């Protein structure tokens, strides 16, 4: 008799759990879920393309920056950057204040 009582209690707990969970009425049909998954995947694909373009642009800008820094540090321009012993000229200063 205890086997029947244990099975009944187990069945009651299962039914209570099912009732508490509620019906699955808000579950979307398979076709709708499938199209949502396709949209999600296409969104990720487009984001991957954008990420690749951004990475390529950053790499290109790094190369350009390195080229510009090499050009600035070239001997042709080093005299303009080396201002030891001579005062720097402020281009925004009023010419009348210069001596």
PDB file of N, CA and C in Angstrom:
ATOM      1  N   UNK A   1       0.810  -1.191   0.000  1.00  0.00           N
ATOM      2  CA  UNK A   1       0.000   0.000   0.000  1.00  0.00           C
ATOM      3  C   UNK A   1       0.860   1.264   0.000  1.00  0.00           C
ATOM      4  N   UNK A   2       2.055   1.222   0.603  1.00  0.00           N
ATOM      5  CA  UNK A   2       2.909   2.413   0.609  1.00  0.00           C
ATOM      6  C   UNK A   2       3.430   2.735  -0.770  1.00  0.00           C
ATOM      7  N   UNK A   3       3.579   1.719  -1.628  1.00  0.00           N
ATOM      8  CA  UNK A   3       4.007   1.956  -3.011  1.00  0.00           C
ATOM      9  C   UNK A   3       2.972   2.774  -3.762  1.00  0.00           C
ATOM     10  N   UNK A   4       1.714   2.450  -3.550  1.00  0.00           N
ATOM     11  CA  UNK A   4       0.652   3.202  -4.209  1.00  0.00           C
ATOM     12  C   UNK A   4       0.600   4.633  -3.691  1.00  0.00           C
ATOM     13  N   UNK A   5       0.780   4.803  -2.375  1.00  0.00           N
ATOM     14  CA  UNK A   5       0.757   6.135  -1.772  1.00  0.00           C
ATOM     15  C   UNK A   5       1.928   6.971  -2.297  1.00  0.00           C
ATOM     16  N   UNK A   6       3.119   6.389  -2.397  1.00  0.00           N
ATOM     17  CA  UNK A   6       4.299   7.108  -2.894  1.00  0.00           C
ATOM     18  C   UNK A   6       4.099   7.513  -4.353  1.00  0.00           C
ATOM     19  N   UNK A   7       3.541   6.608  -5.146  1.00  0.00           N
ATOM     20  CA  UNK A   7       3.287   6.921  -6.558  1.00  0.00           C
ATOM     21  C   UNK A   7       2.244   8.026  -6.682  1.00  0.00           C
ATOM     22  N   UNK A   8       1.235   8.004  -5.833  1.00  0.00           N
ATOM     23  CA  UNK A   8       0.197   9.033  -5.882  1.00  0.00           C
ATOM     24  C   UNK A   8       0.766  10.393  -5.513  1.00  0.00           C
ATOM     25  N   UNK A   9       1.610  10.415  -4.476  1.00  0.00           N
ATOM     26  CA  UNK A   9       2.225  11.685  -4.066  1.00  0.00           C
ATOM     27  C   UNK A   9       3.130  12.203  -5.176  1.00  0.00           C
ATOM     28  N   UNK A  10       3.878  11.329  -5.800  1.00  0.00           N
ATOM     29  CA  UNK A  10       4.747  11.741  -6.914  1.00  0.00           C
ATOM     30  C   UNK A  10       3.943  12.291  -8.068  1.00  0.00           C
ATOM     31  N   UNK A  11       2.842  11.615  -8.397  1.00  0.00           N
ATOM     32  CA  UNK A  11       1.983  12.082  -9.478  1.00  0.00           C
ATOM     33  C   UNK A  11       1.360  13.432  -9.147  1.00  0.00           C
ATOM     34  N   UNK A  12       0.971  13.630  -7.899  1.00  0.00           N
ATOM     35  CA  UNK A  12       0.404  14.919  -7.476  1.00  0.00           C
ATOM     36  C   UNK A  12       1.446  16.029  -7.616  1.00  0.00           C
ATOM     37  N   UNK A  13       2.699  15.752  -7.225  1.00  0.00           N
ATOM     38  CA  UNK A  13       3.768  16.753  -7.360  1.00  0.00           C
ATOM     39  C   UNK A  13       4.029  17.096  -8.827  1.00  0.00           C
ATOM     40  N   UNK A  14       3.978  16.104  -9.684  1.00  0.00           N
ATOM     41  CA  UNK A  14       4.174  16.355 -11.114  1.00  0.00           C
ATOM     42  C   UNK A  14       3.046  17.226 -11.660  1.00  0.00           C
ATOM     43  N   UNK A  15       1.829  16.934 -11.270  1.00  0.00           N
ATOM     44  CA  UNK A  15       0.689  17.729 -11.739  1.00  0.00           C
ATOM     45  C   UNK A  15       0.746  19.154 -11.209  1.00  0.00           C
ATOM     46  N   UNK A  16       1.160  19.303  -9.960  1.00  0.00           N
ATOM     47  CA  UNK A  16       1.293  20.656  -9.387  1.00  0.00           C
ATOM     48  C   UNK A  16       2.367  21.435 -10.144  1.00  0.00           C
ATOM     49  N   UNK A  17       3.476  20.773 -10.421  1.00  0.00           N
ATOM     50  CA  UNK A  17       4.547  21.438 -11.172  1.00  0.00           C
ATOM     51  C   UNK A  17       4.103  21.838 -12.561  1.00  0.00           C
ATOM     52  N   UNK A  18       3.351  20.967 -13.210  1.00  0.00           N
ATOM     53  CA  UNK A  18       2.859  21.279 -14.551  1.00  0.00           C
ATOM     54  C   UNK A  18       1.855  22.433 -14.522  1.00  0.00           C
ATOM     55  N   UNK A  19       1.015  22.433 -13.505  1.00  0.00           N
ATOM     56  CA  UNK A  19       0.019  23.500 -13.376  1.00  0.00           C
ATOM     57  C   UNK A  19       0.698  24.834 -13.051  1.00  0.00           C
ATOM     58  N   UNK A  20       1.747  24.790 -12.228  1.00  0.00           N
ATOM     59  CA  UNK A  20       2.450  26.024 -11.870  1.00  0.00           C
ATOM     60  C   UNK A  20       3.206  26.583 -13.066  1.00  0.00           C
ATOM     61  N   UNK A  21       3.709  25.691 -13.912  1.00  0.00           N
ATOM     62  CA  UNK A  21       4.450  26.152 -15.082  1.00  0.00           C
ATOM     63  C   UNK A  21       3.519  26.792 -16.099  1.00  0.00           C
ATOM     64  N   UNK A  22       2.285  26.380 -16.127  1.00  0.00           N
ATOM     65  CA  UNK A  22       1.315  26.972 -17.047  1.00  0.00           C
ATOM     66  C   UNK A  22       1.415  26.365 -18.424  1.00  0.00           C
ATOM     67  N   UNK A  23       0.462  26.674 -19.236  1.00  0.00           N
ATOM     68  CA  UNK A  23       0.471  26.145 -20.595  1.00  0.00           C
ATOM     69  C   UNK A  23       1.539  26.829 -21.438  1.00  0.00           C
ATOM     70  N   UNK A  24       1.936  26.187 -22.495  1.00  0.00           N
ATOM     71  CA  UNK A  24       2.958  26.738 -23.383  1.00  0.00           C
ATOM     72  C   UNK A  24       2.296  27.479 -24.536  1.00  0.00           C
ATOM     73  N   UNK A  25       1.333  28.302 -24.226  1.00  0.00           N
ATOM     74  CA  UNK A  25       0.584  29.023 -25.261  1.00  0.00           C
ATOM     75  C   UNK A  25       1.437  30.107 -25.913  1.00  0.00           C
ATOM     76  N   UNK A  26       2.420  30.652 -25.189  1.00  0.00           N
ATOM     77  CA  UNK A  26       3.213  31.738 -25.742  1.00  0.00           C
ATOM     78  C   UNK A  26       4.366  31.233 -26.599  1.00  0.00           C
ATOM     79  N   UNK A  27       4.480  29.934 -26.780  1.00  0.00           N
ATOM     80  CA  UNK A  27       5.515  29.367 -27.625  1.00  0.00           C
ATOM     81  C   UNK A  27       5.178  29.655 -29.082  1.00  0.00           C
ATOM     82  N   UNK A  28       6.111  30.257 -29.789  1.00  0.00           N
ATOM     83  CA  UNK A  28       5.877  30.633 -31.178  1.00  0.00           C
ATOM     84  C   UNK A  28       5.890  29.398 -32.077  1.00  0.00           C
ATOM     85  N   UNK A  29       5.176  29.444 -33.177  1.00  0.00           N
ATOM     86  CA  UNK A  29       5.223  28.327 -34.121  1.00  0.00           C
ATOM     87  C   UNK A  29       6.633  28.143 -34.677  1.00  0.00           C
ATOM     88  N   UNK A  30       6.909  26.946 -35.141  1.00  0.00           N
ATOM     89  CA  UNK A  30       8.248  26.611 -35.617  1.00  0.00           C
ATOM     90  C   UNK A  30       8.678  27.520 -36.772  1.00  0.00           C
ATOM     91  N   UNK A  31       7.759  27.881 -37.665  1.00  0.00           N
ATOM     92  CA  UNK A  31       8.095  28.730 -38.805  1.00  0.00           C
ATOM     93  C   UNK A  31       8.546  30.107 -38.324  1.00  0.00           C
ATOM     94  N   UNK A  32       7.861  30.650 -37.339  1.00  0.00           N
ATOM     95  CA  UNK A  32       8.211  31.974 -36.810  1.00  0.00           C
ATOM     96  C   UNK A  32       9.545  31.910 -36.091  1.00  0.00           C
ATOM     97  N   UNK A  33       9.746  30.850 -35.288  1.00  0.00           N
ATOM     98  CA  UNK A  33      11.022  30.708 -34.588  1.00  0.00           C
ATOM     99  C   UNK A  33      12.165  30.541 -35.584  1.00  0.00           C
ATOM    100  N   UNK A  34      11.923  29.809 -36.657  1.00  0.00           N
ATOM    101  CA  UNK A  34      12.949  29.586 -37.667  1.00  0.00           C
ATOM    102  C   UNK A  34      13.336  30.895 -38.346  1.00  0.00           C
ATOM    103  N   UNK A  35      12.337  31.720 -38.705  1.00  0.00           N
ATOM    104  CA  UNK A  35      12.651  32.991 -39.356  1.00  0.00           C
ATOM    105  C   UNK A  35      13.362  33.929 -38.386  1.00  0.00           C
ATOM    106  N   UNK A  36      12.998  33.873 -37.111  1.00  0.00           N
ATOM    107  CA  UNK A  36      13.695  34.710 -36.116  1.00  0.00           C
ATOM    108  C   UNK A  36      15.155  34.268 -35.998  1.00  0.00           C
ATOM    109  N   UNK A  37      15.388  32.977 -36.046  1.00  0.00           N
ATOM    110  CA  UNK A  37      16.768  32.478 -35.984  1.00  0.00           C
ATOM    111  C   UNK A  37      17.546  32.897 -37.231  1.00  0.00           C
ATOM    112  N   UNK A  38      16.884  32.878 -38.372  1.00  0.00           N
ATOM    113  CA  UNK A  38      17.550  33.305 -39.606  1.00  0.00           C
ATOM    114  C   UNK A  38      17.889  34.787 -39.552  1.00  0.00           C
ATOM    115  N   UNK A  39      16.976  35.599 -39.033  1.00  0.00           N
ATOM    116  CA  UNK A  39      17.249  37.029 -38.884  1.00  0.00           C
ATOM    117  C   UNK A  39      18.398  37.260 -37.918  1.00  0.00           C
ATOM    118  N   UNK A  40      18.423  36.494 -36.838  1.00  0.00           N
ATOM    119  CA  UNK A  40      19.489  36.606 -35.847  1.00  0.00           C
ATOM    120  C   UNK A  40      20.834  36.250 -36.482  1.00  0.00           C
ATOM    121  N   UNK A  41      20.852  35.170 -37.246  1.00  0.00           N
ATOM    122  CA  UNK A  41      22.092  34.753 -37.901  1.00  0.00           C
ATOM    123  C   UNK A  41      22.536  35.760 -38.953  1.00  0.00           C
ATOM    124  N   UNK A  42      21.600  36.315 -39.707  1.00  0.00           N
ATOM    125  CA  UNK A  42      21.977  37.311 -40.714  1.00  0.00           C
ATOM    126  C   UNK A  42      22.488  38.587 -40.044  1.00  0.00           C
ATOM    127  N   UNK A  43      21.917  38.934 -38.903  1.00  0.00           N
ATOM    128  CA  UNK A  43      22.410  40.098 -38.158  1.00  0.00           C
ATOM    129  C   UNK A  43      23.848  39.874 -37.715  1.00  0.00           C
ATOM    130  N   UNK A  44      24.141  38.690 -37.206  1.00  0.00           N
ATOM    131  CA  UNK A  44      25.517  38.381 -36.792  1.00  0.00           C
ATOM    132  C   UNK A  44      26.464  38.383 -37.984  1.00  0.00           C
ATOM    133  N   UNK A  45      25.987  37.917 -39.133  1.00  0.00           N
ATOM    134  CA  UNK A  45      26.823  37.932 -40.330  1.00  0.00           C
ATOM    135  C   UNK A  45      27.145  39.367 -40.736  1.00  0.00           C
ATOM    136  N   UNK A  46      26.138  40.232 -40.716  1.00  0.00           N
ATOM    137  CA  UNK A  46      26.379  41.639 -41.060  1.00  0.00           C
ATOM    138  C   UNK A  46      27.309  42.303 -40.046  1.00  0.00           C
ATOM    139  N   UNK A  47      27.152  41.978 -38.764  1.00  0.00           N
ATOM    140  CA  UNK A  47      28.042  42.544 -37.752  1.00  0.00           C
ATOM    141  C   UNK A  47      29.480  42.066 -37.953  1.00  0.00           C
ATOM    142  N   UNK A  48      29.646  40.823 -38.376  1.00  0.00           N
ATOM    143  CA  UNK A  48      30.988  40.310 -38.664  1.00  0.00           C
ATOM    144  C   UNK A  48      31.628  41.071 -39.816  1.00  0.00           C
ATOM    145  N   UNK A  49      30.827  41.398 -40.838  1.00  0.00           N
ATOM    146  CA  UNK A  49      31.339  42.164 -41.974  1.00  0.00           C
ATOM    147  C   UNK A  49      31.766  43.560 -41.523  1.00  0.00           C
ATOM    148  N   UNK A  50      30.933  44.204 -40.711  1.00  0.00           N
ATOM    149  CA  UNK A  50      31.266  45.542 -40.206  1.00  0.00           C
ATOM    150  C   UNK A  50      32.530  45.485 -39.343  1.00  0.00           C
ATOM    151  N   UNK A  51      32.629  44.472 -38.490  1.00  0.00           N
ATOM    152  CA  UNK A  51      33.815  44.329 -37.645  1.00  0.00           C
ATOM    153  C   UNK A  51      35.066  44.155 -38.490  1.00  0.00           C
ATOM    154  N   UNK A  52      34.995  43.373 -39.552  1.00  0.00           N
ATOM    155  CA  UNK A  52      36.141  43.164 -40.442  1.00  0.00           C
ATOM    156  C   UNK A  52      36.536  44.473 -41.110  1.00  0.00           C
ATOM    157  N   UNK A  53      35.542  45.251 -41.561  1.00  0.00           N
ATOM    158  CA  UNK A  53      35.847  46.535 -42.200  1.00  0.00           C
ATOM    159  C   UNK A  53      36.510  47.493 -41.220  1.00  0.00           C
ATOM    160  N   UNK A  54      36.030  47.502 -39.984  1.00  0.00           N
ATOM    161  CA  UNK A  54      36.631  48.384 -38.963  1.00  0.00           C
ATOM    162  C   UNK A  54      38.069  47.960 -38.687  1.00  0.00           C
ATOM    163  N   UNK A  55      38.302  46.654 -38.564  1.00  0.00           N
ATOM    164  CA  UNK A  55      39.664  46.172 -38.316  1.00  0.00           C
ATOM    165  C   UNK A  55      40.586  46.536 -39.476  1.00  0.00           C
ATOM    166  N   UNK A  56      40.108  46.382 -40.723  1.00  0.00           N
ATOM    167  CA  UNK A  56      40.919  46.744 -41.882  1.00  0.00           C
ATOM    168  C   UNK A  56      41.224  48.240 -41.894  1.00  0.00           C
ATOM    169  N   UNK A  57      40.232  49.054 -41.540  1.00  0.00           N
ATOM    170  CA  UNK A  57      40.438  50.502 -41.505  1.00  0.00           C
ATOM    171  C   UNK A  57      41.453  50.891 -40.439  1.00  0.00           C
ATOM    172  N   UNK A  58      41.364  50.264 -39.277  1.00  0.00           N
ATOM    173  CA  UNK A  58      42.321  50.560 -38.205  1.00  0.00           C
ATOM    174  C   UNK A  58      43.731  50.166 -38.629  1.00  0.00           C
ATOM    175  N   UNK A  59      43.873  49.010 -39.268  1.00  0.00           N
ATOM    176  CA  UNK A  59      45.195  48.593 -39.743  1.00  0.00           C
ATOM    177  C   UNK A  59      45.744  49.578 -40.771  1.00  0.00           C
ATOM    178  N   UNK A  60      44.885  50.042 -41.693  1.00  0.00           N
ATOM    179  CA  UNK A  60      45.316  51.005 -42.698  1.00  0.00           C
ATOM    180  C   UNK A  60      45.755  52.314 -42.038  1.00  0.00           C
ATOM    181  N   UNK A  61      44.984  52.763 -41.041  1.00  0.00           N
ATOM    182  CA  UNK A  61      45.337  54.008 -40.349  1.00  0.00           C
ATOM    183  C   UNK A  61      46.636  53.863 -39.561  1.00  0.00           C
ATOM    184  N   UNK A  62      46.886  52.695 -38.991  1.00  0.00           N
ATOM    185  CA  UNK A  62      48.145  52.466 -38.288  1.00  0.00           C
ATOM    186  C   UNK A  62      49.328  52.560 -39.243  1.00  0.00           C
ATOM    187  N   UNK A  63      49.170  52.017 -40.448  1.00  0.00           N
ATOM    188  CA  UNK A  63      50.239  52.091 -41.451  1.00  0.00           C
ATOM    189  C   UNK A  63      50.455  53.544 -41.863  1.00  0.00           C
ATOM    190  N   UNK A  64      49.377  54.275 -42.101  1.00  0.00           N
ATOM    191  CA  UNK A  64      49.491  55.685 -42.480  1.00  0.00           C
ATOM    192  C   UNK A  64      50.166  56.501 -41.378  1.00  0.00           C
ATOM    193  N   UNK A  65      49.785  56.236 -40.132  1.00  0.00           N
ATOM    194  CA  UNK A  65      50.382  56.960 -39.015  1.00  0.00           C
ATOM    195  C   UNK A  65      51.868  56.657 -38.900  1.00  0.00           C
ATOM    196  N   UNK A  66      52.237  55.404 -39.073  1.00  0.00           N
ATOM    197  CA  UNK A  66      53.652  55.043 -39.020  1.00  0.00           C
ATOM    198  C   UNK A  66      54.433  55.746 -40.131  1.00  0.00           C
ATOM    199  N   UNK A  67      53.841  55.832 -41.317  1.00  0.00           N
ATOM    200  CA  UNK A  67      54.486  56.516 -42.439  1.00  0.00           C
ATOM    201  C   UNK A  67      54.655  58.002 -42.137  1.00  0.00           C
ATOM    202  N   UNK A  68      53.622  58.616 -41.578  1.00  0.00           N
ATOM    203  CA  UNK A  68      53.729  60.041 -41.240  1.00  0.00           C
ATOM    204  C   UNK A  68      54.775  60.294 -40.157  1.00  0.00           C
ATOM    205  N   UNK A  69      54.835  59.432 -39.167  1.00  0.00           N
ATOM    206  CA  UNK A  69      55.835  59.600 -38.115  1.00  0.00           C
ATOM    207  C   UNK A  69      57.247  59.432 -38.657  1.00  0.00           C
ATOM    208  N   UNK A  70      57.428  58.498 -39.569  1.00  0.00           N
ATOM    209  CA  UNK A  70      58.748  58.341 -40.190  1.00  0.00           C
ATOM    210  C   UNK A  70      59.119  59.586 -40.983  1.00  0.00           C
ATOM    211  N   UNK A  71      58.143  60.156 -41.688  1.00  0.00           N
ATOM    212  CA  UNK A  71      58.423  61.364 -42.472  1.00  0.00           C
ATOM    213  C   UNK A  71      58.758  62.541 -41.571  1.00  0.00           C
ATOM    214  N   UNK A  72      58.075  62.662 -40.445  1.00  0.00           N
ATOM    215  CA  UNK A  72      58.345  63.772 -39.527  1.00  0.00           C
ATOM    216  C   UNK A  72      59.714  63.618 -38.879  1.00  0.00           C
ATOM    217  N   UNK A  73      60.098  62.395 -38.568  1.00  0.00           N
ATOM    218  CA  UNK A  73      61.371  62.160 -37.905  1.00  0.00           C
ATOM    219  C   UNK A  73      62.546  62.131 -38.876  1.00  0.00           C
ATOM    220  N   UNK A  74      62.308  62.312 -40.167  1.00  0.00           N
ATOM    221  CA  UNK A  74      63.372  62.313 -41.172  1.00  0.00           C
ATOM    222  C   UNK A  74      64.295  63.503 -40.946  1.00  0.00           C
ATOM    223  N   UNK A  75      65.535  63.406 -41.375  1.00  0.00           N
ATOM    224  CA  UNK A  75      66.493  64.508 -41.171  1.00  0.00           C
ATOM    225  C   UNK A  75      66.033  65.835 -41.771  1.00  0.00           C
ATOM    226  N   UNK A  76      65.233  65.778 -42.805  1.00  0.00           N
ATOM    227  CA  UNK A  76      64.740  67.005 -43.438  1.00  0.00           C
ATOM    228  C   UNK A  76      63.930  67.850 -42.463  1.00  0.00           C
ATOM    229  N   UNK A  77      63.194  67.225 -41.573  1.00  0.00           N
ATOM    230  CA  UNK A  77      62.328  67.934 -40.645  1.00  0.00           C
ATOM    231  C   UNK A  77      62.905  67.999 -39.228  1.00  0.00           C
ATOM    232  N   UNK A  78      63.966  67.297 -38.968  1.00  0.00           N
ATOM    233  CA  UNK A  78      64.480  67.232 -37.597  1.00  0.00           C
ATOM    234  C   UNK A  78      64.935  68.596 -37.089  1.00  0.00           C
ATOM    235  N   UNK A  79      65.388  69.470 -37.985  1.00  0.00           N
ATOM    236  CA  UNK A  79      65.819  70.800 -37.535  1.00  0.00           C
ATOM    237  C   UNK A  79      64.640  71.609 -36.995  1.00  0.00           C
ATOM    238  N   UNK A  80      63.453  71.389 -37.521  1.00  0.00           N
ATOM    239  CA  UNK A  80      62.280  72.093 -37.015  1.00  0.00           C
ATOM    240  C   UNK A  80      61.848  71.557 -35.650  1.00  0.00           C
ATOM    241  N   UNK A  81      62.093  70.285 -35.418  1.00  0.00           N
ATOM    242  CA  UNK A  81      61.710  69.686 -34.146  1.00  0.00           C
ATOM    243  C   UNK A  81      62.733  69.936 -33.056  1.00  0.00           C
ATOM    244  N   UNK A  82      63.980  70.152 -33.439  1.00  0.00           N
ATOM    245  CA  UNK A  82      65.046  70.361 -32.450  1.00  0.00           C
ATOM    246  C   UNK A  82      65.105  71.846 -32.113  1.00  0.00           C
ATOM    247  N   UNK A  83      64.601  72.215 -30.955  1.00  0.00           N
ATOM    248  CA  UNK A  83      64.600  73.623 -30.575  1.00  0.00           C
ATOM    249  C   UNK A  83      65.419  73.873 -29.320  1.00  0.00           C
ATOM    250  N   UNK A  84      66.493  73.120 -29.144  1.00  0.00           N
ATOM    251  CA  UNK A  84      67.362  73.363 -27.992  1.00  0.00           C
ATOM    252  C   UNK A  84      68.223  74.583 -28.297  1.00  0.00           C
ATOM    253  N   UNK A  85      68.211  75.538 -27.447  1.00  0.00           N
ATOM    254  CA  UNK A  85      69.026  76.742 -27.603  1.00  0.00           C
ATOM    255  C   UNK A  85      68.315  77.874 -28.311  1.00  0.00           C
ATOM    256  N   UNK A  86      67.288  77.622 -29.055  1.00  0.00           N
ATOM    257  CA  UNK A  86      66.561  78.706 -29.713  1.00  0.00           C
ATOM    258  C   UNK A  86      65.142  78.731 -29.159  1.00  0.00           C
ATOM    259  N   UNK A  87      64.612  79.911 -28.920  1.00  0.00           N
ATOM    260  CA  UNK A  87      63.254  79.982 -28.375  1.00  0.00           C
ATOM    261  C   UNK A  87      62.231  79.557 -29.432  1.00  0.00           C
ATOM    262  N   UNK A  88      61.215  78.938 -28.983  1.00  0.00           N
ATOM    263  CA  UNK A  88      60.127  78.522 -29.878  1.00  0.00           C
ATOM    264  C   UNK A  88      59.299  79.743 -30.257  1.00  0.00           C
ATOM    265  N   UNK A  89      58.836  79.786 -31.473  1.00  0.00           N
ATOM    266  CA  UNK A  89      58.010  80.886 -31.953  1.00  0.00           C
ATOM    267  C   UNK A  89      56.557  80.477 -31.814  1.00  0.00           C
ATOM    268  N   UNK A  90      55.802  81.330 -31.161  1.00  0.00           N
ATOM    269  CA  UNK A  90      54.372  81.085 -31.011  1.00  0.00           C
ATOM    270  C   UNK A  90      53.666  81.741 -32.181  1.00  0.00           C
ATOM    271  N   UNK A  91      53.091  80.951 -33.053  1.00  0.00           N
ATOM    272  CA  UNK A  91      52.457  81.514 -34.247  1.00  0.00           C
ATOM    273  C   UNK A  91      51.169  82.252 -33.924  1.00  0.00           C
ATOM    274  N   UNK A  92      50.624  82.048 -32.735  1.00  0.00           N
ATOM    275  CA  UNK A  92      49.407  82.739 -32.340  1.00  0.00           C
ATOM    276  C   UNK A  92      49.696  84.041 -31.600  1.00  0.00           C
ATOM    277  N   UNK A  93      50.963  84.276 -31.348  1.00  0.00           N
ATOM    278  CA  UNK A  93      51.346  85.491 -30.622  1.00  0.00           C
ATOM    279  C   UNK A  93      51.230  86.700 -31.544  1.00  0.00           C
ATOM    280  N   UNK A  94      50.897  87.835 -30.987  1.00  0.00           N
ATOM    281  CA  UNK A  94      50.786  89.077 -31.749  1.00  0.00           C
ATOM    282  C   UNK A  94      52.180  89.489 -32.246  1.00  0.00           C
ATOM    283  N   UNK A  95      52.318  89.785 -33.556  1.00  0.00           N
ATOM    284  CA  UNK A  95      53.636  90.137 -34.082  1.00  0.00           C
ATOM    285  C   UNK A  95      54.277  91.344 -33.405  1.00  0.00           C
ATOM    286  N   UNK A  96      53.502  92.263 -32.875  1.00  0.00           N
ATOM    287  CA  UNK A  96      54.057  93.434 -32.211  1.00  0.00           C
ATOM    288  C   UNK A  96      54.779  93.067 -30.928  1.00  0.00           C
ATOM    289  N   UNK A  97      54.404  91.954 -30.301  1.00  0.00           N
ATOM    290  CA  UNK A  97      55.041  91.549 -29.057  1.00  0.00           C
ATOM    291  C   UNK A  97      56.369  90.831 -29.305  1.00  0.00           C
ATOM    292  N   UNK A  98      56.592  90.397 -30.545  1.00  0.00           N
ATOM    293  CA  UNK A  98      57.870  89.722 -30.845  1.00  0.00           C
ATOM    294  C   UNK A  98      58.980  90.751 -30.874  1.00  0.00           C
ATOM    295  N   UNK A  99      60.159  90.326 -30.449  1.00  0.00           N
ATOM    296  CA  UNK A  99      61.289  91.260 -30.480  1.00  0.00           C
ATOM    297  C   UNK A  99      62.135  91.044 -31.699  1.00  0.00           C
TER     298      UNK A  99
END
